[in-house]
C-alpha atoms as a PDB file:
ATOM      1  CA  MET A   1      11.366 -37.885 168.258  1.00  0.00           C
ATOM      2  CA  ALA A   2      13.477 -36.144 165.709  1.00  0.00           C
ATOM      3  CA  PHE A   3      16.169 -38.780 165.649  1.00  0.00           C
ATOM      4  CA  SER A   4      13.614 -41.807 164.886  1.00  0.00           C
ATOM      5  CA  ARG A   5      12.136 -39.789 162.162  1.00  0.00           C
ATOM      6  CA  ALA A   6      15.873 -39.615 160.823  1.00  0.00           C
ATOM      7  CA  ALA A   7      16.785 -43.202 160.897  1.00  0.00           C
ATOM      8  CA  GLU A   8      16.108 -43.964 157.401  1.00  0.00           C
ATOM      9  CA  THR A   9      18.273 -41.120 156.009  1.00  0.00           C
ATOM     10  CA  TYR A  10      20.815 -40.485 158.763  1.00  0.00           C
ATOM     11  CA  ASP A  11      23.874 -42.337 157.496  1.00  0.00           C
ATOM     12  CA  GLU A  12      23.633 -40.825 154.040  1.00  0.00           C
ATOM     13  CA  ASN A  13      23.475 -37.411 155.555  1.00  0.00           C
ATOM     14  CA  SER A  14      25.855 -37.592 158.602  1.00  0.00           C
ATOM     15  CA  LYS A  15      29.172 -37.144 156.857  1.00  0.00           C
ATOM     16  CA  PRO A  16      30.999 -35.240 159.822  1.00  0.00           C
ATOM     17  CA  GLN A  17      29.915 -37.777 162.417  1.00  0.00           C
ATOM     18  CA  GLN A  18      31.138 -40.677 160.025  1.00  0.00           C
ATOM     19  CA  GLU A  19      34.366 -38.633 159.857  1.00  0.00           C
ATOM     20  CA  LEU A  20      34.549 -38.285 163.663  1.00  0.00           C
ATOM     21  CA  TRP A  21      34.060 -42.183 163.779  1.00  0.00           C
ATOM     22  CA  GLN A  22      37.027 -43.208 161.505  1.00  0.00           C
ATOM     23  CA  GLU A  23      39.125 -41.118 163.724  1.00  0.00           C
ATOM     24  CA  LEU A  24      37.518 -43.068 166.641  1.00  0.00           C
ATOM     25  CA  LEU A  25      38.440 -46.417 165.160  1.00  0.00           C
ATOM     26  CA  SER A  26      41.951 -45.236 164.823  1.00  0.00           C
ATOM     27  CA  LEU A  27      42.166 -45.390 168.448  1.00  0.00           C
ATOM     28  CA  LEU A  28      41.151 -49.006 168.495  1.00  0.00           C
ATOM     29  CA  GLU A  29      44.091 -50.693 166.548  1.00  0.00           C
ATOM     30  CA  PRO A  30      45.150 -52.950 166.536  1.00  0.00           C
ATOM     31  CA  PHE A  31      41.990 -54.840 166.048  1.00  0.00           C
ATOM     32  CA  GLY A  32      43.544 -58.184 167.662  1.00  0.00           C
ATOM     33  CA  GLN A  33      42.948 -56.801 171.062  1.00  0.00           C
ATOM     34  CA  ASN A  34      40.744 -59.086 173.059  1.00  0.00           C
ATOM     35  CA  TYR A  35      37.946 -57.050 174.134  1.00  0.00           C
ATOM     36  CA  LYS A  36      35.119 -59.882 175.052  1.00  0.00           C
ATOM     37  CA  LEU A  37      32.420 -57.463 175.734  1.00  0.00           C
ATOM     38  CA  ILE A  38      32.056 -54.321 173.772  1.00  0.00           C
ATOM     39  CA  LEU A  39      28.944 -51.788 174.183  1.00  0.00           C
ATOM     40  CA  ASP A  40      28.489 -49.055 171.789  1.00  0.00           C
ATOM     41  CA  ILE A  41      26.605 -46.087 173.461  1.00  0.00           C
ATOM     42  CA  GLY A  42      24.148 -44.065 171.453  1.00  0.00           C
ATOM     43  CA  MET A  43      24.646 -46.225 168.477  1.00  0.00           C
ATOM     44  CA  GLY A  44      22.159 -44.324 166.097  1.00  0.00           C
ATOM     45  CA  THR A  45      21.442 -46.660 162.929  1.00  0.00           C
ATOM     46  CA  GLY A  46      23.694 -49.496 164.302  1.00  0.00           C
ATOM     47  CA  LYS A  47      26.141 -49.110 161.268  1.00  0.00           C
ATOM     48  CA  ASN A  48      28.980 -48.647 163.538  1.00  0.00           C
ATOM     49  CA  THR A  49      27.870 -51.246 165.910  1.00  0.00           C
ATOM     50  CA  TYR A  50      27.847 -53.390 162.959  1.00  0.00           C
ATOM     51  CA  GLU A  51      30.982 -52.514 161.938  1.00  0.00           C
ATOM     52  CA  LEU A  52      32.560 -53.310 165.324  1.00  0.00           C
ATOM     53  CA  ALA A  53      30.944 -56.649 165.183  1.00  0.00           C
ATOM     54  CA  LYS A  54      32.783 -57.191 161.955  1.00  0.00           C
ATOM     55  CA  LEU A  55      36.156 -56.151 163.211  1.00  0.00           C
ATOM     56  CA  TYR A  56      36.073 -57.974 166.556  1.00  0.00           C
ATOM     57  CA  PRO A  57      34.277 -61.600 165.630  1.00  0.00           C
ATOM     58  CA  LYS A  58      35.164 -63.175 168.581  1.00  0.00           C
ATOM     59  CA  SER A  59      33.542 -60.715 170.825  1.00  0.00           C
ATOM     60  CA  PHE A  60      30.378 -60.022 172.259  1.00  0.00           C
ATOM     61  CA  VAL A  61      28.850 -56.677 170.807  1.00  0.00           C
ATOM     62  CA  ALA A  62      25.920 -54.398 171.774  1.00  0.00           C
ATOM     63  CA  GLY A  63      24.578 -51.238 171.037  1.00  0.00           C
ATOM     64  CA  PHE A  64      21.878 -49.055 172.208  1.00  0.00           C
ATOM     65  CA  ASP A  65      20.126 -45.991 171.698  1.00  0.00           C
ATOM     66  CA  ILE A  66      17.380 -43.920 173.305  1.00  0.00           C
ATOM     67  CA  THR A  67      15.202 -43.594 170.022  1.00  0.00           C
ATOM     68  CA  ARG A  68      12.984 -46.627 169.315  1.00  0.00           C
ATOM     69  CA  GLY A  69      13.140 -45.636 165.525  1.00  0.00           C
ATOM     70  CA  MET A  70      17.067 -46.096 165.309  1.00  0.00           C
ATOM     71  CA  VAL A  71      16.674 -49.228 167.457  1.00  0.00           C
ATOM     72  CA  ASP A  72      14.122 -50.688 165.057  1.00  0.00           C
ATOM     73  CA  TYR A  73      16.218 -49.558 161.972  1.00  0.00           C
ATOM     74  CA  ALA A  74      19.292 -51.197 163.488  1.00  0.00           C
ATOM     75  CA  LYS A  75      17.514 -54.534 163.535  1.00  0.00           C
ATOM     76  CA  ARG A  76      16.126 -54.648 160.048  1.00  0.00           C
ATOM     77  CA  ASN A  77      19.459 -53.379 158.490  1.00  0.00           C
ATOM     78  CA  TRP A  78      22.616 -54.493 160.367  1.00  0.00           C
ATOM     79  CA  ILE A  79      22.696 -57.969 161.600  1.00  0.00           C
ATOM     80  CA  VAL A  80      25.782 -60.007 160.846  1.00  0.00           C
ATOM     81  CA  ARG A  81      24.181 -63.217 162.010  1.00  0.00           C
ATOM     82  CA  GLU A  82      20.669 -63.949 163.874  1.00  0.00           C
ATOM     83  CA  ASP A  83      20.050 -61.342 166.468  1.00  0.00           C
ATOM     84  CA  TYR A  84      23.480 -60.217 166.299  1.00  0.00           C
ATOM     85  CA  PRO A  85      24.766 -57.770 167.137  1.00  0.00           C
ATOM     86  CA  VAL A  86      22.496 -57.014 170.038  1.00  0.00           C
ATOM     87  CA  PHE A  87      20.386 -53.999 169.629  1.00  0.00           C
ATOM     88  CA  PHE A  88      18.150 -52.380 172.316  1.00  0.00           C
ATOM     89  CA  GLN A  89      16.721 -49.172 173.537  1.00  0.00           C
ATOM     90  CA  ALA A  90      18.121 -47.589 176.628  1.00  0.00           C
ATOM     91  CA  ASP A  91      18.970 -44.189 178.161  1.00  0.00           C
ATOM     92  CA  LEU A  92      22.543 -43.192 178.384  1.00  0.00           C
ATOM     93  CA  GLU A  93      21.675 -41.478 181.915  1.00  0.00           C
ATOM     94  CA  ASN A  94      20.639 -45.069 183.264  1.00  0.00           C
ATOM     95  CA  ILE A  95      22.593 -47.630 181.713  1.00  0.00           C
ATOM     96  CA  PRO A  96      20.997 -51.032 182.352  1.00  0.00           C
ATOM     97  CA  PHE A  97      23.883 -53.066 183.385  1.00  0.00           C
ATOM     98  CA  LYS A  98      25.908 -54.306 186.157  1.00  0.00           C
ATOM     99  CA  GLU A  99      29.257 -53.012 187.495  1.00  0.00           C
ATOM    100  CA  LYS A 100      32.421 -54.130 185.833  1.00  0.00           C
ATOM    101  CA  THR A 101      30.756 -55.734 182.788  1.00  0.00           C
ATOM    102  CA  PHE A 102      32.664 -54.124 179.655  1.00  0.00           C
ATOM    103  CA  ASP A 103      35.762 -54.320 178.418  1.00  0.00           C
ATOM    104  CA  LEU A 104      35.415 -51.528 175.642  1.00  0.00           C
ATOM    105  CA  VAL A 105      32.661 -48.997 175.718  1.00  0.00           C
ATOM    106  CA  ILE A 106      32.767 -47.039 172.568  1.00  0.00           C
ATOM    107  CA  SER A 107      30.665 -43.935 171.621  1.00  0.00           C
ATOM    108  CA  ASN A 108      30.348 -41.416 168.556  1.00  0.00           C
ATOM    109  CA  ALA A 109      29.395 -38.219 168.356  1.00  0.00           C
ATOM    110  CA  VAL A 110      26.545 -38.726 171.198  1.00  0.00           C
ATOM    111  CA  PHE A 111      27.835 -36.700 174.479  1.00  0.00           C
ATOM    112  CA  GLN A 112      27.652 -33.390 173.222  1.00  0.00           C
ATOM    113  CA  ARG A 113      23.947 -34.011 173.799  1.00  0.00           C
ATOM    114  CA  ILE A 114      24.542 -34.373 177.442  1.00  0.00           C
ATOM    115  CA  ASP A 115      24.535 -31.696 179.805  1.00  0.00           C
ATOM    116  CA  ASN A 116      25.886 -33.589 183.169  1.00  0.00           C
ATOM    117  CA  LEU A 117      28.978 -34.821 181.552  1.00  0.00           C
ATOM    118  CA  LYS A 118      30.501 -36.123 184.843  1.00  0.00           C
ATOM    119  CA  GLU A 119      27.688 -37.993 185.842  1.00  0.00           C
ATOM    120  CA  ALA A 120      27.283 -39.758 182.357  1.00  0.00           C
ATOM    121  CA  PHE A 121      30.892 -40.465 182.705  1.00  0.00           C
ATOM    122  CA  ARG A 122      30.466 -42.101 185.892  1.00  0.00           C
ATOM    123  CA  GLN A 123      27.732 -44.387 184.469  1.00  0.00           C
ATOM    124  CA  VAL A 124      30.485 -45.481 181.759  1.00  0.00           C
ATOM    125  CA  ASN A 125      33.056 -46.203 184.599  1.00  0.00           C
ATOM    126  CA  ARG A 126      30.576 -48.240 186.515  1.00  0.00           C
ATOM    127  CA  ILE A 127      30.009 -50.589 183.791  1.00  0.00           C
ATOM    128  CA  LEU A 128      33.594 -50.679 182.713  1.00  0.00           C
ATOM    129  CA  LYS A 129      36.072 -53.566 184.148  1.00  0.00           C
ATOM    130  CA  PRO A 130      39.106 -52.590 185.971  1.00  0.00           C
ATOM    131  CA  LYS A 131      41.472 -51.123 183.180  1.00  0.00           C
ATOM    132  CA  GLY A 132      38.439 -51.185 180.799  1.00  0.00           C
ATOM    133  CA  ILE A 133      38.766 -48.756 177.888  1.00  0.00           C
ATOM    134  CA  PHE A 134      36.407 -46.111 176.831  1.00  0.00           C
ATOM    135  CA  CYS A 135      36.765 -44.343 173.820  1.00  0.00           C
ATOM    136  CA  LEU A 136      34.414 -41.435 172.486  1.00  0.00           C
ATOM    137  CA  SER A 137      34.055 -38.555 170.195  1.00  0.00           C
ATOM    138  CA  LEU A 138      32.123 -35.673 170.325  1.00  0.00           C
ATOM    139  CA  PHE A 139      31.394 -32.092 168.747  1.00  0.00           C
ATOM    140  CA  THR A 140      32.768 -29.244 170.783  1.00  0.00           C
ATOM    141  CA  GLU A 141      32.053 -25.611 171.516  1.00  0.00           C
ATOM    142  CA  ARG A 142      32.955 -24.194 168.009  1.00  0.00           C
ATOM    143  CA  THR A 143      30.856 -26.480 166.200  1.00  0.00           C
ATOM    144  CA  LEU A 144      28.295 -24.699 163.906  1.00  0.00           C
ATOM    145  CA  LEU A 145      29.980 -21.339 165.113  1.00  0.00           C
ATOM    146  CA  GLU A 146      28.690 -19.572 162.063  1.00  0.00           C
ATOM    147  CA  LEU A 147      25.192 -20.610 162.206  1.00  0.00           C
ATOM    148  CA  LYS A 148      24.987 -19.782 166.212  1.00  0.00           C
ATOM    149  CA  SER A 149      26.837 -16.146 165.607  1.00  0.00           C
ATOM    150  CA  ALA A 150      24.664 -15.417 162.616  1.00  0.00           C
ATOM    151  CA  PHE A 151      21.193 -16.148 164.380  1.00  0.00           C
ATOM    152  CA  ILE A 152      22.500 -14.444 167.669  1.00  0.00           C
ATOM    153  CA  GLU A 153      22.911 -11.103 165.731  1.00  0.00           C
ATOM    154  CA  ALA A 154      19.831 -11.607 163.567  1.00  0.00           C
ATOM    155  CA  TYR A 155      17.893 -12.023 166.939  1.00  0.00           C
ATOM    156  CA  ARG A 156      19.220  -8.955 168.312  1.00  0.00           C
ATOM    157  CA  ASN A 157      18.681  -6.759 165.074  1.00  0.00           C
ATOM    158  CA  VAL A 158      15.220  -7.797 164.744  1.00  0.00           C
ATOM    159  CA  LYS A 159      14.212  -7.954 168.526  1.00  0.00           C
ATOM    160  CA  GLY A 160      16.370  -5.451 169.543  1.00  0.00           C
ATOM    161  CA  SER A 161      17.554  -7.468 172.551  1.00  0.00           C
ATOM    162  CA  PRO A 162      19.971 -10.171 173.304  1.00  0.00           C
ATOM    163  CA  ILE A 163      18.817 -13.577 172.576  1.00  0.00           C
ATOM    164  CA  PRO A 164      17.433 -14.919 175.931  1.00  0.00           C
ATOM    165  CA  SER A 165      19.551 -18.010 176.003  1.00  0.00           C
ATOM    166  CA  SER A 166      22.058 -20.108 173.827  1.00  0.00           C
ATOM    167  CA  ASP A 167      23.085 -23.628 173.968  1.00  0.00           C
ATOM    168  CA  LYS A 168      26.944 -24.548 173.684  1.00  0.00           C
ATOM    169  CA  HIS A 169      28.623 -27.276 172.925  1.00  0.00           C
ATOM    170  CA  HIS A 170      31.250 -28.576 175.621  1.00  0.00           C
ATOM    171  CA  SER A 171      34.669 -27.297 175.268  1.00  0.00           C
ATOM    172  CA  SER A 172      37.641 -30.065 175.031  1.00  0.00           C
ATOM    173  CA  LEU A 173      38.966 -28.771 178.244  1.00  0.00           C
ATOM    174  CA  LYS A 174      35.616 -29.688 180.092  1.00  0.00           C
ATOM    175  CA  VAL A 175      35.232 -32.945 178.720  1.00  0.00           C
ATOM    176  CA  ILE A 176      38.885 -34.046 179.952  1.00  0.00           C
ATOM    177  CA  LYS A 177      38.196 -32.515 183.200  1.00  0.00           C
ATOM    178  CA  ASP A 178      34.895 -34.434 183.699  1.00  0.00           C
ATOM    179  CA  LEU A 179      36.524 -37.300 182.382  1.00  0.00           C
ATOM    180  CA  GLU A 180      39.389 -37.233 185.065  1.00  0.00           C
ATOM    181  CA  SER A 181      36.773 -36.285 187.579  1.00  0.00           C
ATOM    182  CA  ALA A 182      34.583 -39.264 186.624  1.00  0.00           C
ATOM    183  CA  GLY A 183      37.956 -41.703 187.375  1.00  0.00           C
ATOM    184  CA  PHE A 184      39.377 -42.082 184.011  1.00  0.00           C
ATOM    185  CA  GLN A 185      42.851 -41.521 182.927  1.00  0.00           C
ATOM    186  CA  ILE A 186      44.045 -40.158 179.522  1.00  0.00           C
ATOM    187  CA  VAL A 187      45.390 -42.541 177.085  1.00  0.00           C
ATOM    188  CA  LYS A 188      45.399 -40.656 173.856  1.00  0.00           C
ATOM    189  CA  LYS A 189      43.291 -37.752 172.195  1.00  0.00           C
ATOM    190  CA  ILE A 190      42.868 -36.221 168.686  1.00  0.00           C
ATOM    191  CA  ASP A 191      41.361 -32.816 168.263  1.00  0.00           C
ATOM    192  CA  PHE A 192      39.260 -32.810 164.926  1.00  0.00           C
ATOM    193  CA  LYS A 193      38.494 -29.684 162.775  1.00  0.00           C
ATOM    194  CA  LYS A 194      37.070 -29.227 159.376  1.00  0.00           C
ATOM    195  CA  LYS A 195      34.581 -27.064 157.380  1.00  0.00           C
ATOM    196  CA  GLN A 196      31.628 -28.635 155.739  1.00  0.00           C
ATOM    197  CA  TYR A 197      30.256 -26.532 152.619  1.00  0.00           C
ATOM    198  CA  TYR A 198      26.726 -26.121 151.657  1.00  0.00           C
ATOM    199  CA  ARG A 199      24.960 -24.363 148.941  1.00  0.00           C
ATOM    200  CA  ASN A 200      23.117 -21.786 151.175  1.00  0.00           C
ATOM    201  CA  PRO A 201      22.585 -21.135 154.874  1.00  0.00           C
ATOM    202  CA  GLU A 202      19.179 -22.534 154.360  1.00  0.00           C
ATOM    203  CA  ASP A 203      20.749 -25.808 153.369  1.00  0.00           C
ATOM    204  CA  ILE A 204      22.434 -26.064 156.753  1.00  0.00           C
ATOM    205  CA  ILE A 205      18.999 -25.628 158.567  1.00  0.00           C
ATOM    206  CA  ARG A 206      17.759 -28.300 156.239  1.00  0.00           C
ATOM    207  CA  TRP A 207      20.717 -30.690 157.088  1.00  0.00           C
ATOM    208  CA  LEU A 208      20.040 -30.515 160.720  1.00  0.00           C
ATOM    209  CA  LYS A 209      16.490 -31.337 160.402  1.00  0.00           C
ATOM    210  CA  VAL A 210      17.236 -34.258 158.409  1.00  0.00           C
ATOM    211  CA  ILE A 211      19.703 -35.918 160.615  1.00  0.00           C
ATOM    212  CA  GLY A 212      17.359 -35.133 163.751  1.00  0.00           C
ATOM    213  CA  ALA A 213      19.821 -32.629 165.393  1.00  0.00           C
ATOM    214  CA  ASN A 214      17.877 -29.370 165.537  1.00  0.00           C
ATOM    215  CA  ARG A 215      15.966 -30.338 168.553  1.00  0.00           C
ATOM    216  CA  TYR A 216      19.213 -30.004 170.354  1.00  0.00           C
ATOM    217  CA  PHE A 217      19.549 -26.041 169.347  1.00  0.00           C
ATOM    218  CA  LYS A 218      16.086 -25.236 170.692  1.00  0.00           C
ATOM    219  CA  ASN A 219      17.404 -22.551 172.655  1.00  0.00           C
ATOM    220  CA  TRP A 220      19.506 -20.583 170.543  1.00  0.00           C
ATOM    221  CA  LEU A 221      16.905 -21.057 167.641  1.00  0.00           C
ATOM    222  CA  ILE A 222      14.098 -19.428 169.640  1.00  0.00           C
ATOM    223  CA  GLY A 223      11.968 -17.530 167.122  1.00  0.00           C
ATOM    224  CA  ILE A 224      13.821 -19.712 164.164  1.00  0.00           C
ATOM    225  CA  GLY A 225      10.189 -19.674 162.265  1.00  0.00           C
ATOM    226  CA  THR A 226       9.780 -15.895 162.609  1.00  0.00           C
ATOM    227  CA  ARG A 227      10.467 -15.168 159.154  1.00  0.00           C
ATOM    228  CA  ARG A 228      12.118 -11.657 159.991  1.00  0.00           C
ATOM    229  CA  ILE A 229      14.481 -13.284 162.033  1.00  0.00           C
ATOM    230  CA  LEU A 230      15.291 -16.090 159.322  1.00  0.00           C
ATOM    231  CA  LYS A 231      15.732 -13.482 156.802  1.00  0.00           C
ATOM    232  CA  GLU A 232      17.972 -11.614 158.619  1.00  0.00           C
ATOM    233  CA  MET A 233      20.004 -14.572 159.828  1.00  0.00           C
ATOM    234  CA  TYR A 234      20.511 -15.728 155.907  1.00  0.00           C
ATOM    235  CA  ASN A 235      21.647 -12.396 154.905  1.00  0.00           C
ATOM    236  CA  ILE A 236      24.149 -12.128 157.649  1.00  0.00           C
ATOM    237  CA  TYR A 237      25.516 -15.686 156.832  1.00  0.00           C
ATOM    238  CA  LYS A 238      25.891 -15.084 153.299  1.00  0.00           C
ATOM    239  CA  ILE A 239      27.801 -11.836 154.017  1.00  0.00           C
ATOM    240  CA  ARG A 240      30.256 -13.257 156.403  1.00  0.00           C
ATOM    241  CA  TYR A 241      30.604 -16.918 155.602  1.00  0.00           C
ATOM    242  CA  SER A 242      30.417 -17.243 151.573  1.00  0.00           C
ATOM    243  CA  VAL A 243      33.103 -18.981 149.243  1.00  0.00           C
ATOM    244  CA  ASP A 244      32.670 -19.524 145.838  1.00  0.00           C
ATOM    245  CA  SER A 245      30.756 -22.580 146.120  1.00  0.00           C
ATOM    246  CA  GLY A 246      28.368 -21.294 148.680  1.00  0.00           C
ATOM    247  CA  VAL A 247      28.806 -21.118 152.413  1.00  0.00           C
ATOM    248  CA  TYR A 248      30.649 -22.998 154.985  1.00  0.00           C
ATOM    249  CA  THR A 249      30.304 -23.941 158.712  1.00  0.00           C
ATOM    250  CA  THR A 250      32.846 -25.252 161.094  1.00  0.00           C
ATOM    251  CA  PHE A 251      32.760 -28.668 162.911  1.00  0.00           C
ATOM    252  CA  GLU A 252      35.289 -29.319 165.624  1.00  0.00           C
ATOM    253  CA  GLY A 253      35.380 -32.087 167.998  1.00  0.00           C
ATOM    254  CA  LEU A 254      37.649 -34.328 170.413  1.00  0.00           C
ATOM    255  CA  ILE A 255      38.346 -37.971 169.996  1.00  0.00           C
ATOM    256  CA  ILE A 256      39.532 -39.425 173.108  1.00  0.00           C
ATOM    257  CA  LYS A 257      40.780 -42.846 174.552  1.00  0.00           C
ATOM    258  CA  VAL A 258      40.658 -43.377 178.313  1.00  0.00           C
ATOM    259  CA  GLU A 259      41.258 -46.071 180.705  1.00  0.00           C
ATOM    260  CA  ASN A 260      39.376 -47.097 183.604  1.00  0.00           C
ATOM    261  CA  ARG A 261      41.760 -46.245 186.651  1.00  0.00           C
END
């Protein structure tokens, strides 16, 4: 899988994701809070899970990811003491824990990949204790807007027809609505927005491949291997989204803390 291949270099190339994580941590203060059992969903390389284990030395901390490569990397690189924190492979849509297990569930830059948000949030609610806390961050609908817009226009210019389909990140409004429908009440939220700069649009595509995220844009990247479409997209991008240092793209996200009702 793409994320398995990206494990070795993911942390050094995931600046927007790490910035989301720092905002997410701000929702957990003070760190003296007594979370006995903590779960990190979609832990990736395990770096963030490791940080949680250091911040909460009296807590039991575990993290899981769907990709074996990420789990293996975490076990090799992010151990506080023997076999701790606990890293394992699992699927977010079928979390292997009993009801009312965890005091805190946390997840960084994962849920934007989930189609059925409401059902995924219900899974989290199921494993949280009453009044348990769920803190998550995710990228929202205007993330990579410039790249998507340039590609859609390039596809239309070359093919003479609209792109058959296009993937979209969830809107903040939908995320909040689905959280509430899944039985959570909002405690606090932070809106995230920043521009990331690259030398050229080709570097954005390379970056997506390096972190393993390109597979989640497969629908709106239909035909990306076609040279004419690719060349047209790069030309459009350079004309519309250039700055002195190169080009930019937008990242928008939502960081939110909710409580199990």
